[in-house]
Amino acid sequence: NNMLLTAELYLQWCDDVTVEEITH
């Protein structure tokens, strides 16, 4: 929970390219 789940959330909401192309 502390590593994998947090990494998934980081990738979805803090990586700008992923945020723009996938998450939003």
PDBML (XML) file of the C-alpha atoms, coordinates in Angstrom:
<?xml version="1.0" encoding="UTF-8" ?>
<PDBx:datablock datablockName="MODEL"
   xmlns:PDBx="http://pdbml.pdb.org/schema/pdbx-v50.xsd"
   xmlns:xsi="http://www.w3.org/2001/XMLSchema-instance"
   xsi:schemaLocation="http://pdbml.pdb.org/schema/pdbx-v50.xsd pdbx-v50.xsd">
   <PDBx:atom_siteCategory>
      <PDBx:atom_site id="1">
         <PDBx:B_iso_or_equiv>0.00</PDBx:B_iso_or_equiv>
         <PDBx:Cartn_x>0.000</PDBx:Cartn_x>
         <PDBx:Cartn_y>0.000</PDBx:Cartn_y>
         <PDBx:Cartn_z>0.000</PDBx:Cartn_z>
         <PDBx:auth_asym_id>A</PDBx:auth_asym_id>
         <PDBx:auth_atom_id>CA</PDBx:auth_atom_id>
         <PDBx:auth_comp_id>ASN</PDBx:auth_comp_id>
         <PDBx:auth_seq_id>1</PDBx:auth_seq_id>
         <PDBx:group_PDB>ATOM</PDBx:group_PDB>
         <PDBx:label_alt_id xsi:nil="true" />
         <PDBx:label_asym_id>A</PDBx:label_asym_id>
         <PDBx:label_atom_id>CA</PDBx:label_atom_id>
         <PDBx:label_comp_id>ASN</PDBx:label_comp_id>
         <PDBx:label_entity_id>1</PDBx:label_entity_id>
         <PDBx:label_seq_id>1</PDBx:label_seq_id>
         <PDBx:occupancy>1.00</PDBx:occupancy>
         <PDBx:pdbx_PDB_model_num>1</PDBx:pdbx_PDB_model_num>
         <PDBx:type_symbol>C</PDBx:type_symbol>
      </PDBx:atom_site>
      <PDBx:atom_site id="2">
         <PDBx:B_iso_or_equiv>0.00</PDBx:B_iso_or_equiv>
         <PDBx:Cartn_x>2.801</PDBx:Cartn_x>
         <PDBx:Cartn_y>2.431</PDBx:Cartn_y>
         <PDBx:Cartn_z>0.846</PDBx:Cartn_z>
         <PDBx:auth_asym_id>A</PDBx:auth_asym_id>
         <PDBx:auth_atom_id>CA</PDBx:auth_atom_id>
         <PDBx:auth_comp_id>ASN</PDBx:auth_comp_id>
         <PDBx:auth_seq_id>2</PDBx:auth_seq_id>
         <PDBx:group_PDB>ATOM</PDBx:group_PDB>
         <PDBx:label_alt_id xsi:nil="true" />
         <PDBx:label_asym_id>A</PDBx:label_asym_id>
         <PDBx:label_atom_id>CA</PDBx:label_atom_id>
         <PDBx:label_comp_id>ASN</PDBx:label_comp_id>
         <PDBx:label_entity_id>1</PDBx:label_entity_id>
         <PDBx:label_seq_id>2</PDBx:label_seq_id>
         <PDBx:occupancy>1.00</PDBx:occupancy>
         <PDBx:pdbx_PDB_model_num>1</PDBx:pdbx_PDB_model_num>
         <PDBx:type_symbol>C</PDBx:type_symbol>
      </PDBx:atom_site>
      <PDBx:atom_site id="3">
         <PDBx:B_iso_or_equiv>0.00</PDBx:B_iso_or_equiv>
         <PDBx:Cartn_x>4.883</PDBx:Cartn_x>
         <PDBx:Cartn_y>1.730</PDBx:Cartn_y>
         <PDBx:Cartn_z>-2.257</PDBx:Cartn_z>
         <PDBx:auth_asym_id>A</PDBx:auth_asym_id>
         <PDBx:auth_atom_id>CA</PDBx:auth_atom_id>
         <PDBx:auth_comp_id>MET</PDBx:auth_comp_id>
         <PDBx:auth_seq_id>3</PDBx:auth_seq_id>
         <PDBx:group_PDB>ATOM</PDBx:group_PDB>
         <PDBx:label_alt_id xsi:nil="true" />
         <PDBx:label_asym_id>A</PDBx:label_asym_id>
         <PDBx:label_atom_id>CA</PDBx:label_atom_id>
         <PDBx:label_comp_id>MET</PDBx:label_comp_id>
         <PDBx:label_entity_id>1</PDBx:label_entity_id>
         <PDBx:label_seq_id>3</PDBx:label_seq_id>
         <PDBx:occupancy>1.00</PDBx:occupancy>
         <PDBx:pdbx_PDB_model_num>1</PDBx:pdbx_PDB_model_num>
         <PDBx:type_symbol>C</PDBx:type_symbol>
      </PDBx:atom_site>
      <PDBx:atom_site id="4">
         <PDBx:B_iso_or_equiv>0.00</PDBx:B_iso_or_equiv>
         <PDBx:Cartn_x>2.838</PDBx:Cartn_x>
         <PDBx:Cartn_y>0.263</PDBx:Cartn_y>
         <PDBx:Cartn_z>-5.126</PDBx:Cartn_z>
         <PDBx:auth_asym_id>A</PDBx:auth_asym_id>
         <PDBx:auth_atom_id>CA</PDBx:auth_atom_id>
         <PDBx:auth_comp_id>LEU</PDBx:auth_comp_id>
         <PDBx:auth_seq_id>4</PDBx:auth_seq_id>
         <PDBx:group_PDB>ATOM</PDBx:group_PDB>
         <PDBx:label_alt_id xsi:nil="true" />
         <PDBx:label_asym_id>A</PDBx:label_asym_id>
         <PDBx:label_atom_id>CA</PDBx:label_atom_id>
         <PDBx:label_comp_id>LEU</PDBx:label_comp_id>
         <PDBx:label_entity_id>1</PDBx:label_entity_id>
         <PDBx:label_seq_id>4</PDBx:label_seq_id>
         <PDBx:occupancy>1.00</PDBx:occupancy>
         <PDBx:pdbx_PDB_model_num>1</PDBx:pdbx_PDB_model_num>
         <PDBx:type_symbol>C</PDBx:type_symbol>
      </PDBx:atom_site>
      <PDBx:atom_site id="5">
         <PDBx:B_iso_or_equiv>0.00</PDBx:B_iso_or_equiv>
         <PDBx:Cartn_x>-0.446</PDBx:Cartn_x>
         <PDBx:Cartn_y>2.055</PDBx:Cartn_y>
         <PDBx:Cartn_z>-4.479</PDBx:Cartn_z>
         <PDBx:auth_asym_id>A</PDBx:auth_asym_id>
         <PDBx:auth_atom_id>CA</PDBx:auth_atom_id>
         <PDBx:auth_comp_id>LEU</PDBx:auth_comp_id>
         <PDBx:auth_seq_id>5</PDBx:auth_seq_id>
         <PDBx:group_PDB>ATOM</PDBx:group_PDB>
         <PDBx:label_alt_id xsi:nil="true" />
         <PDBx:label_asym_id>A</PDBx:label_asym_id>
         <PDBx:label_atom_id>CA</PDBx:label_atom_id>
         <PDBx:label_comp_id>LEU</PDBx:label_comp_id>
         <PDBx:label_entity_id>1</PDBx:label_entity_id>
         <PDBx:label_seq_id>5</PDBx:label_seq_id>
         <PDBx:occupancy>1.00</PDBx:occupancy>
         <PDBx:pdbx_PDB_model_num>1</PDBx:pdbx_PDB_model_num>
         <PDBx:type_symbol>C</PDBx:type_symbol>
      </PDBx:atom_site>
      <PDBx:atom_site id="6">
         <PDBx:B_iso_or_equiv>0.00</PDBx:B_iso_or_equiv>
         <PDBx:Cartn_x>1.331</PDBx:Cartn_x>
         <PDBx:Cartn_y>5.382</PDBx:Cartn_y>
         <PDBx:Cartn_z>-3.833</PDBx:Cartn_z>
         <PDBx:auth_asym_id>A</PDBx:auth_asym_id>
         <PDBx:auth_atom_id>CA</PDBx:auth_atom_id>
         <PDBx:auth_comp_id>THR</PDBx:auth_comp_id>
         <PDBx:auth_seq_id>6</PDBx:auth_seq_id>
         <PDBx:group_PDB>ATOM</PDBx:group_PDB>
         <PDBx:label_alt_id xsi:nil="true" />
         <PDBx:label_asym_id>A</PDBx:label_asym_id>
         <PDBx:label_atom_id>CA</PDBx:label_atom_id>
         <PDBx:label_comp_id>THR</PDBx:label_comp_id>
         <PDBx:label_entity_id>1</PDBx:label_entity_id>
         <PDBx:label_seq_id>6</PDBx:label_seq_id>
         <PDBx:occupancy>1.00</PDBx:occupancy>
         <PDBx:pdbx_PDB_model_num>1</PDBx:pdbx_PDB_model_num>
         <PDBx:type_symbol>C</PDBx:type_symbol>
      </PDBx:atom_site>
      <PDBx:atom_site id="7">
         <PDBx:B_iso_or_equiv>0.00</PDBx:B_iso_or_equiv>
         <PDBx:Cartn_x>3.394</PDBx:Cartn_x>
         <PDBx:Cartn_y>4.901</PDBx:Cartn_y>
         <PDBx:Cartn_z>-7.004</PDBx:Cartn_z>
         <PDBx:auth_asym_id>A</PDBx:auth_asym_id>
         <PDBx:auth_atom_id>CA</PDBx:auth_atom_id>
         <PDBx:auth_comp_id>ALA</PDBx:auth_comp_id>
         <PDBx:auth_seq_id>7</PDBx:auth_seq_id>
         <PDBx:group_PDB>ATOM</PDBx:group_PDB>
         <PDBx:label_alt_id xsi:nil="true" />
         <PDBx:label_asym_id>A</PDBx:label_asym_id>
         <PDBx:label_atom_id>CA</PDBx:label_atom_id>
         <PDBx:label_comp_id>ALA</PDBx:label_comp_id>
         <PDBx:label_entity_id>1</PDBx:label_entity_id>
         <PDBx:label_seq_id>7</PDBx:label_seq_id>
         <PDBx:occupancy>1.00</PDBx:occupancy>
         <PDBx:pdbx_PDB_model_num>1</PDBx:pdbx_PDB_model_num>
         <PDBx:type_symbol>C</PDBx:type_symbol>
      </PDBx:atom_site>
      <PDBx:atom_site id="8">
         <PDBx:B_iso_or_equiv>0.00</PDBx:B_iso_or_equiv>
         <PDBx:Cartn_x>0.220</PDBx:Cartn_x>
         <PDBx:Cartn_y>4.251</PDBx:Cartn_y>
         <PDBx:Cartn_z>-9.024</PDBx:Cartn_z>
         <PDBx:auth_asym_id>A</PDBx:auth_asym_id>
         <PDBx:auth_atom_id>CA</PDBx:auth_atom_id>
         <PDBx:auth_comp_id>GLU</PDBx:auth_comp_id>
         <PDBx:auth_seq_id>8</PDBx:auth_seq_id>
         <PDBx:group_PDB>ATOM</PDBx:group_PDB>
         <PDBx:label_alt_id xsi:nil="true" />
         <PDBx:label_asym_id>A</PDBx:label_asym_id>
         <PDBx:label_atom_id>CA</PDBx:label_atom_id>
         <PDBx:label_comp_id>GLU</PDBx:label_comp_id>
         <PDBx:label_entity_id>1</PDBx:label_entity_id>
         <PDBx:label_seq_id>8</PDBx:label_seq_id>
         <PDBx:occupancy>1.00</PDBx:occupancy>
         <PDBx:pdbx_PDB_model_num>1</PDBx:pdbx_PDB_model_num>
         <PDBx:type_symbol>C</PDBx:type_symbol>
      </PDBx:atom_site>
      <PDBx:atom_site id="9">
         <PDBx:B_iso_or_equiv>0.00</PDBx:B_iso_or_equiv>
         <PDBx:Cartn_x>-1.385</PDBx:Cartn_x>
         <PDBx:Cartn_y>7.409</PDBx:Cartn_y>
         <PDBx:Cartn_z>-7.631</PDBx:Cartn_z>
         <PDBx:auth_asym_id>A</PDBx:auth_asym_id>
         <PDBx:auth_atom_id>CA</PDBx:auth_atom_id>
         <PDBx:auth_comp_id>LEU</PDBx:auth_comp_id>
         <PDBx:auth_seq_id>9</PDBx:auth_seq_id>
         <PDBx:group_PDB>ATOM</PDBx:group_PDB>
         <PDBx:label_alt_id xsi:nil="true" />
         <PDBx:label_asym_id>A</PDBx:label_asym_id>
         <PDBx:label_atom_id>CA</PDBx:label_atom_id>
         <PDBx:label_comp_id>LEU</PDBx:label_comp_id>
         <PDBx:label_entity_id>1</PDBx:label_entity_id>
         <PDBx:label_seq_id>9</PDBx:label_seq_id>
         <PDBx:occupancy>1.00</PDBx:occupancy>
         <PDBx:pdbx_PDB_model_num>1</PDBx:pdbx_PDB_model_num>
         <PDBx:type_symbol>C</PDBx:type_symbol>
      </PDBx:atom_site>
      <PDBx:atom_site id="10">
         <PDBx:B_iso_or_equiv>0.00</PDBx:B_iso_or_equiv>
         <PDBx:Cartn_x>1.804</PDBx:Cartn_x>
         <PDBx:Cartn_y>9.404</PDBx:Cartn_y>
         <PDBx:Cartn_z>-8.317</PDBx:Cartn_z>
         <PDBx:auth_asym_id>A</PDBx:auth_asym_id>
         <PDBx:auth_atom_id>CA</PDBx:auth_atom_id>
         <PDBx:auth_comp_id>TYR</PDBx:auth_comp_id>
         <PDBx:auth_seq_id>10</PDBx:auth_seq_id>
         <PDBx:group_PDB>ATOM</PDBx:group_PDB>
         <PDBx:label_alt_id xsi:nil="true" />
         <PDBx:label_asym_id>A</PDBx:label_asym_id>
         <PDBx:label_atom_id>CA</PDBx:label_atom_id>
         <PDBx:label_comp_id>TYR</PDBx:label_comp_id>
         <PDBx:label_entity_id>1</PDBx:label_entity_id>
         <PDBx:label_seq_id>10</PDBx:label_seq_id>
         <PDBx:occupancy>1.00</PDBx:occupancy>
         <PDBx:pdbx_PDB_model_num>1</PDBx:pdbx_PDB_model_num>
         <PDBx:type_symbol>C</PDBx:type_symbol>
      </PDBx:atom_site>
      <PDBx:atom_site id="11">
         <PDBx:B_iso_or_equiv>0.00</PDBx:B_iso_or_equiv>
         <PDBx:Cartn_x>1.935</PDBx:Cartn_x>
         <PDBx:Cartn_y>8.195</PDBx:Cartn_y>
         <PDBx:Cartn_z>-11.908</PDBx:Cartn_z>
         <PDBx:auth_asym_id>A</PDBx:auth_asym_id>
         <PDBx:auth_atom_id>CA</PDBx:auth_atom_id>
         <PDBx:auth_comp_id>LEU</PDBx:auth_comp_id>
         <PDBx:auth_seq_id>11</PDBx:auth_seq_id>
         <PDBx:group_PDB>ATOM</PDBx:group_PDB>
         <PDBx:label_alt_id xsi:nil="true" />
         <PDBx:label_asym_id>A</PDBx:label_asym_id>
         <PDBx:label_atom_id>CA</PDBx:label_atom_id>
         <PDBx:label_comp_id>LEU</PDBx:label_comp_id>
         <PDBx:label_entity_id>1</PDBx:label_entity_id>
         <PDBx:label_seq_id>11</PDBx:label_seq_id>
         <PDBx:occupancy>1.00</PDBx:occupancy>
         <PDBx:pdbx_PDB_model_num>1</PDBx:pdbx_PDB_model_num>
         <PDBx:type_symbol>C</PDBx:type_symbol>
      </PDBx:atom_site>
      <PDBx:atom_site id="12">
         <PDBx:B_iso_or_equiv>0.00</PDBx:B_iso_or_equiv>
         <PDBx:Cartn_x>-1.758</PDBx:Cartn_x>
         <PDBx:Cartn_y>8.971</PDBx:Cartn_y>
         <PDBx:Cartn_z>-12.495</PDBx:Cartn_z>
         <PDBx:auth_asym_id>A</PDBx:auth_asym_id>
         <PDBx:auth_atom_id>CA</PDBx:auth_atom_id>
         <PDBx:auth_comp_id>GLN</PDBx:auth_comp_id>
         <PDBx:auth_seq_id>12</PDBx:auth_seq_id>
         <PDBx:group_PDB>ATOM</PDBx:group_PDB>
         <PDBx:label_alt_id xsi:nil="true" />
         <PDBx:label_asym_id>A</PDBx:label_asym_id>
         <PDBx:label_atom_id>CA</PDBx:label_atom_id>
         <PDBx:label_comp_id>GLN</PDBx:label_comp_id>
         <PDBx:label_entity_id>1</PDBx:label_entity_id>
         <PDBx:label_seq_id>12</PDBx:label_seq_id>
         <PDBx:occupancy>1.00</PDBx:occupancy>
         <PDBx:pdbx_PDB_model_num>1</PDBx:pdbx_PDB_model_num>
         <PDBx:type_symbol>C</PDBx:type_symbol>
      </PDBx:atom_site>
      <PDBx:atom_site id="13">
         <PDBx:B_iso_or_equiv>0.00</PDBx:B_iso_or_equiv>
         <PDBx:Cartn_x>-1.874</PDBx:Cartn_x>
         <PDBx:Cartn_y>12.411</PDBx:Cartn_y>
         <PDBx:Cartn_z>-10.914</PDBx:Cartn_z>
         <PDBx:auth_asym_id>A</PDBx:auth_asym_id>
         <PDBx:auth_atom_id>CA</PDBx:auth_atom_id>
         <PDBx:auth_comp_id>TRP</PDBx:auth_comp_id>
         <PDBx:auth_seq_id>13</PDBx:auth_seq_id>
         <PDBx:group_PDB>ATOM</PDBx:group_PDB>
         <PDBx:label_alt_id xsi:nil="true" />
         <PDBx:label_asym_id>A</PDBx:label_asym_id>
         <PDBx:label_atom_id>CA</PDBx:label_atom_id>
         <PDBx:label_comp_id>TRP</PDBx:label_comp_id>
         <PDBx:label_entity_id>1</PDBx:label_entity_id>
         <PDBx:label_seq_id>13</PDBx:label_seq_id>
         <PDBx:occupancy>1.00</PDBx:occupancy>
         <PDBx:pdbx_PDB_model_num>1</PDBx:pdbx_PDB_model_num>
         <PDBx:type_symbol>C</PDBx:type_symbol>
      </PDBx:atom_site>
      <PDBx:atom_site id="14">
         <PDBx:B_iso_or_equiv>0.00</PDBx:B_iso_or_equiv>
         <PDBx:Cartn_x>1.692</PDBx:Cartn_x>
         <PDBx:Cartn_y>13.793</PDBx:Cartn_y>
         <PDBx:Cartn_z>-10.743</PDBx:Cartn_z>
         <PDBx:auth_asym_id>A</PDBx:auth_asym_id>
         <PDBx:auth_atom_id>CA</PDBx:auth_atom_id>
         <PDBx:auth_comp_id>CYS</PDBx:auth_comp_id>
         <PDBx:auth_seq_id>14</PDBx:auth_seq_id>
         <PDBx:group_PDB>ATOM</PDBx:group_PDB>
         <PDBx:label_alt_id xsi:nil="true" />
         <PDBx:label_asym_id>A</PDBx:label_asym_id>
         <PDBx:label_atom_id>CA</PDBx:label_atom_id>
         <PDBx:label_comp_id>CYS</PDBx:label_comp_id>
         <PDBx:label_entity_id>1</PDBx:label_entity_id>
         <PDBx:label_seq_id>14</PDBx:label_seq_id>
         <PDBx:occupancy>1.00</PDBx:occupancy>
         <PDBx:pdbx_PDB_model_num>1</PDBx:pdbx_PDB_model_num>
         <PDBx:type_symbol>C</PDBx:type_symbol>
      </PDBx:atom_site>
      <PDBx:atom_site id="15">
         <PDBx:B_iso_or_equiv>0.00</PDBx:B_iso_or_equiv>
         <PDBx:Cartn_x>3.263</PDBx:Cartn_x>
         <PDBx:Cartn_y>12.716</PDBx:Cartn_y>
         <PDBx:Cartn_z>-14.045</PDBx:Cartn_z>
         <PDBx:auth_asym_id>A</PDBx:auth_asym_id>
         <PDBx:auth_atom_id>CA</PDBx:auth_atom_id>
         <PDBx:auth_comp_id>ASP</PDBx:auth_comp_id>
         <PDBx:auth_seq_id>15</PDBx:auth_seq_id>
         <PDBx:group_PDB>ATOM</PDBx:group_PDB>
         <PDBx:label_alt_id xsi:nil="true" />
         <PDBx:label_asym_id>A</PDBx:label_asym_id>
         <PDBx:label_atom_id>CA</PDBx:label_atom_id>
         <PDBx:label_comp_id>ASP</PDBx:label_comp_id>
         <PDBx:label_entity_id>1</PDBx:label_entity_id>
         <PDBx:label_seq_id>15</PDBx:label_seq_id>
         <PDBx:occupancy>1.00</PDBx:occupancy>
         <PDBx:pdbx_PDB_model_num>1</PDBx:pdbx_PDB_model_num>
         <PDBx:type_symbol>C</PDBx:type_symbol>
      </PDBx:atom_site>
      <PDBx:atom_site id="16">
         <PDBx:B_iso_or_equiv>0.00</PDBx:B_iso_or_equiv>
         <PDBx:Cartn_x>2.197</PDBx:Cartn_x>
         <PDBx:Cartn_y>15.527</PDBx:Cartn_y>
         <PDBx:Cartn_z>-16.363</PDBx:Cartn_z>
         <PDBx:auth_asym_id>A</PDBx:auth_asym_id>
         <PDBx:auth_atom_id>CA</PDBx:auth_atom_id>
         <PDBx:auth_comp_id>ASP</PDBx:auth_comp_id>
         <PDBx:auth_seq_id>16</PDBx:auth_seq_id>
         <PDBx:group_PDB>ATOM</PDBx:group_PDB>
         <PDBx:label_alt_id xsi:nil="true" />
         <PDBx:label_asym_id>A</PDBx:label_asym_id>
         <PDBx:label_atom_id>CA</PDBx:label_atom_id>
         <PDBx:label_comp_id>ASP</PDBx:label_comp_id>
         <PDBx:label_entity_id>1</PDBx:label_entity_id>
         <PDBx:label_seq_id>16</PDBx:label_seq_id>
         <PDBx:occupancy>1.00</PDBx:occupancy>
         <PDBx:pdbx_PDB_model_num>1</PDBx:pdbx_PDB_model_num>
         <PDBx:type_symbol>C</PDBx:type_symbol>
      </PDBx:atom_site>
      <PDBx:atom_site id="17">
         <PDBx:B_iso_or_equiv>0.00</PDBx:B_iso_or_equiv>
         <PDBx:Cartn_x>2.093</PDBx:Cartn_x>
         <PDBx:Cartn_y>13.517</PDBx:Cartn_y>
         <PDBx:Cartn_z>-19.606</PDBx:Cartn_z>
         <PDBx:auth_asym_id>A</PDBx:auth_asym_id>
         <PDBx:auth_atom_id>CA</PDBx:auth_atom_id>
         <PDBx:auth_comp_id>VAL</PDBx:auth_comp_id>
         <PDBx:auth_seq_id>17</PDBx:auth_seq_id>
         <PDBx:group_PDB>ATOM</PDBx:group_PDB>
         <PDBx:label_alt_id xsi:nil="true" />
         <PDBx:label_asym_id>A</PDBx:label_asym_id>
         <PDBx:label_atom_id>CA</PDBx:label_atom_id>
         <PDBx:label_comp_id>VAL</PDBx:label_comp_id>
         <PDBx:label_entity_id>1</PDBx:label_entity_id>
         <PDBx:label_seq_id>17</PDBx:label_seq_id>
         <PDBx:occupancy>1.00</PDBx:occupancy>
         <PDBx:pdbx_PDB_model_num>1</PDBx:pdbx_PDB_model_num>
         <PDBx:type_symbol>C</PDBx:type_symbol>
      </PDBx:atom_site>
      <PDBx:atom_site id="18">
         <PDBx:B_iso_or_equiv>0.00</PDBx:B_iso_or_equiv>
         <PDBx:Cartn_x>0.021</PDBx:Cartn_x>
         <PDBx:Cartn_y>10.721</PDBx:Cartn_y>
         <PDBx:Cartn_z>-18.012</PDBx:Cartn_z>
         <PDBx:auth_asym_id>A</PDBx:auth_asym_id>
         <PDBx:auth_atom_id>CA</PDBx:auth_atom_id>
         <PDBx:auth_comp_id>THR</PDBx:auth_comp_id>
         <PDBx:auth_seq_id>18</PDBx:auth_seq_id>
         <PDBx:group_PDB>ATOM</PDBx:group_PDB>
         <PDBx:label_alt_id xsi:nil="true" />
         <PDBx:label_asym_id>A</PDBx:label_asym_id>
         <PDBx:label_atom_id>CA</PDBx:label_atom_id>
         <PDBx:label_comp_id>THR</PDBx:label_comp_id>
         <PDBx:label_entity_id>1</PDBx:label_entity_id>
         <PDBx:label_seq_id>18</PDBx:label_seq_id>
         <PDBx:occupancy>1.00</PDBx:occupancy>
         <PDBx:pdbx_PDB_model_num>1</PDBx:pdbx_PDB_model_num>
         <PDBx:type_symbol>C</PDBx:type_symbol>
      </PDBx:atom_site>
      <PDBx:atom_site id="19">
         <PDBx:B_iso_or_equiv>0.00</PDBx:B_iso_or_equiv>
         <PDBx:Cartn_x>-2.294</PDBx:Cartn_x>
         <PDBx:Cartn_y>13.270</PDBx:Cartn_y>
         <PDBx:Cartn_z>-16.393</PDBx:Cartn_z>
         <PDBx:auth_asym_id>A</PDBx:auth_asym_id>
         <PDBx:auth_atom_id>CA</PDBx:auth_atom_id>
         <PDBx:auth_comp_id>VAL</PDBx:auth_comp_id>
         <PDBx:auth_seq_id>19</PDBx:auth_seq_id>
         <PDBx:group_PDB>ATOM</PDBx:group_PDB>
         <PDBx:label_alt_id xsi:nil="true" />
         <PDBx:label_asym_id>A</PDBx:label_asym_id>
         <PDBx:label_atom_id>CA</PDBx:label_atom_id>
         <PDBx:label_comp_id>VAL</PDBx:label_comp_id>
         <PDBx:label_entity_id>1</PDBx:label_entity_id>
         <PDBx:label_seq_id>19</PDBx:label_seq_id>
         <PDBx:occupancy>1.00</PDBx:occupancy>
         <PDBx:pdbx_PDB_model_num>1</PDBx:pdbx_PDB_model_num>
         <PDBx:type_symbol>C</PDBx:type_symbol>
      </PDBx:atom_site>
      <PDBx:atom_site id="20">
         <PDBx:B_iso_or_equiv>0.00</PDBx:B_iso_or_equiv>
         <PDBx:Cartn_x>-2.953</PDBx:Cartn_x>
         <PDBx:Cartn_y>15.011</PDBx:Cartn_y>
         <PDBx:Cartn_z>-19.704</PDBx:Cartn_z>
         <PDBx:auth_asym_id>A</PDBx:auth_asym_id>
         <PDBx:auth_atom_id>CA</PDBx:auth_atom_id>
         <PDBx:auth_comp_id>GLU</PDBx:auth_comp_id>
         <PDBx:auth_seq_id>20</PDBx:auth_seq_id>
         <PDBx:group_PDB>ATOM</PDBx:group_PDB>
         <PDBx:label_alt_id xsi:nil="true" />
         <PDBx:label_asym_id>A</PDBx:label_asym_id>
         <PDBx:label_atom_id>CA</PDBx:label_atom_id>
         <PDBx:label_comp_id>GLU</PDBx:label_comp_id>
         <PDBx:label_entity_id>1</PDBx:label_entity_id>
         <PDBx:label_seq_id>20</PDBx:label_seq_id>
         <PDBx:occupancy>1.00</PDBx:occupancy>
         <PDBx:pdbx_PDB_model_num>1</PDBx:pdbx_PDB_model_num>
         <PDBx:type_symbol>C</PDBx:type_symbol>
      </PDBx:atom_site>
      <PDBx:atom_site id="21">
         <PDBx:B_iso_or_equiv>0.00</PDBx:B_iso_or_equiv>
         <PDBx:Cartn_x>-3.208</PDBx:Cartn_x>
         <PDBx:Cartn_y>11.980</PDBx:Cartn_y>
         <PDBx:Cartn_z>-21.976</PDBx:Cartn_z>
         <PDBx:auth_asym_id>A</PDBx:auth_asym_id>
         <PDBx:auth_atom_id>CA</PDBx:auth_atom_id>
         <PDBx:auth_comp_id>GLU</PDBx:auth_comp_id>
         <PDBx:auth_seq_id>21</PDBx:auth_seq_id>
         <PDBx:group_PDB>ATOM</PDBx:group_PDB>
         <PDBx:label_alt_id xsi:nil="true" />
         <PDBx:label_asym_id>A</PDBx:label_asym_id>
         <PDBx:label_atom_id>CA</PDBx:label_atom_id>
         <PDBx:label_comp_id>GLU</PDBx:label_comp_id>
         <PDBx:label_entity_id>1</PDBx:label_entity_id>
         <PDBx:label_seq_id>21</PDBx:label_seq_id>
         <PDBx:occupancy>1.00</PDBx:occupancy>
         <PDBx:pdbx_PDB_model_num>1</PDBx:pdbx_PDB_model_num>
         <PDBx:type_symbol>C</PDBx:type_symbol>
      </PDBx:atom_site>
      <PDBx:atom_site id="22">
         <PDBx:B_iso_or_equiv>0.00</PDBx:B_iso_or_equiv>
         <PDBx:Cartn_x>-4.848</PDBx:Cartn_x>
         <PDBx:Cartn_y>9.382</PDBx:Cartn_y>
         <PDBx:Cartn_z>-19.718</PDBx:Cartn_z>
         <PDBx:auth_asym_id>A</PDBx:auth_asym_id>
         <PDBx:auth_atom_id>CA</PDBx:auth_atom_id>
         <PDBx:auth_comp_id>ILE</PDBx:auth_comp_id>
         <PDBx:auth_seq_id>22</PDBx:auth_seq_id>
         <PDBx:group_PDB>ATOM</PDBx:group_PDB>
         <PDBx:label_alt_id xsi:nil="true" />
         <PDBx:label_asym_id>A</PDBx:label_asym_id>
         <PDBx:label_atom_id>CA</PDBx:label_atom_id>
         <PDBx:label_comp_id>ILE</PDBx:label_comp_id>
         <PDBx:label_entity_id>1</PDBx:label_entity_id>
         <PDBx:label_seq_id>22</PDBx:label_seq_id>
         <PDBx:occupancy>1.00</PDBx:occupancy>
         <PDBx:pdbx_PDB_model_num>1</PDBx:pdbx_PDB_model_num>
         <PDBx:type_symbol>C</PDBx:type_symbol>
      </PDBx:atom_site>
      <PDBx:atom_site id="23">
         <PDBx:B_iso_or_equiv>0.00</PDBx:B_iso_or_equiv>
         <PDBx:Cartn_x>-5.965</PDBx:Cartn_x>
         <PDBx:Cartn_y>10.497</PDBx:Cartn_y>
         <PDBx:Cartn_z>-16.269</PDBx:Cartn_z>
         <PDBx:auth_asym_id>A</PDBx:auth_asym_id>
         <PDBx:auth_atom_id>CA</PDBx:auth_atom_id>
         <PDBx:auth_comp_id>THR</PDBx:auth_comp_id>
         <PDBx:auth_seq_id>23</PDBx:auth_seq_id>
         <PDBx:group_PDB>ATOM</PDBx:group_PDB>
         <PDBx:label_alt_id xsi:nil="true" />
         <PDBx:label_asym_id>A</PDBx:label_asym_id>
         <PDBx:label_atom_id>CA</PDBx:label_atom_id>
         <PDBx:label_comp_id>THR</PDBx:label_comp_id>
         <PDBx:label_entity_id>1</PDBx:label_entity_id>
         <PDBx:label_seq_id>23</PDBx:label_seq_id>
         <PDBx:occupancy>1.00</PDBx:occupancy>
         <PDBx:pdbx_PDB_model_num>1</PDBx:pdbx_PDB_model_num>
         <PDBx:type_symbol>C</PDBx:type_symbol>
      </PDBx:atom_site>
      <PDBx:atom_site id="24">
         <PDBx:B_iso_or_equiv>0.00</PDBx:B_iso_or_equiv>
         <PDBx:Cartn_x>-8.018</PDBx:Cartn_x>
         <PDBx:Cartn_y>13.626</PDBx:Cartn_y>
         <PDBx:Cartn_z>-16.954</PDBx:Cartn_z>
         <PDBx:auth_asym_id>A</PDBx:auth_asym_id>
         <PDBx:auth_atom_id>CA</PDBx:auth_atom_id>
         <PDBx:auth_comp_id>HIS</PDBx:auth_comp_id>
         <PDBx:auth_seq_id>24</PDBx:auth_seq_id>
         <PDBx:group_PDB>ATOM</PDBx:group_PDB>
         <PDBx:label_alt_id xsi:nil="true" />
         <PDBx:label_asym_id>A</PDBx:label_asym_id>
         <PDBx:label_atom_id>CA</PDBx:label_atom_id>
         <PDBx:label_comp_id>HIS</PDBx:label_comp_id>
         <PDBx:label_entity_id>1</PDBx:label_entity_id>
         <PDBx:label_seq_id>24</PDBx:label_seq_id>
         <PDBx:occupancy>1.00</PDBx:occupancy>
         <PDBx:pdbx_PDB_model_num>1</PDBx:pdbx_PDB_model_num>
         <PDBx:type_symbol>C</PDBx:type_symbol>
      </PDBx:atom_site>
   </PDBx:atom_siteCategory>
</PDBx:datablock>
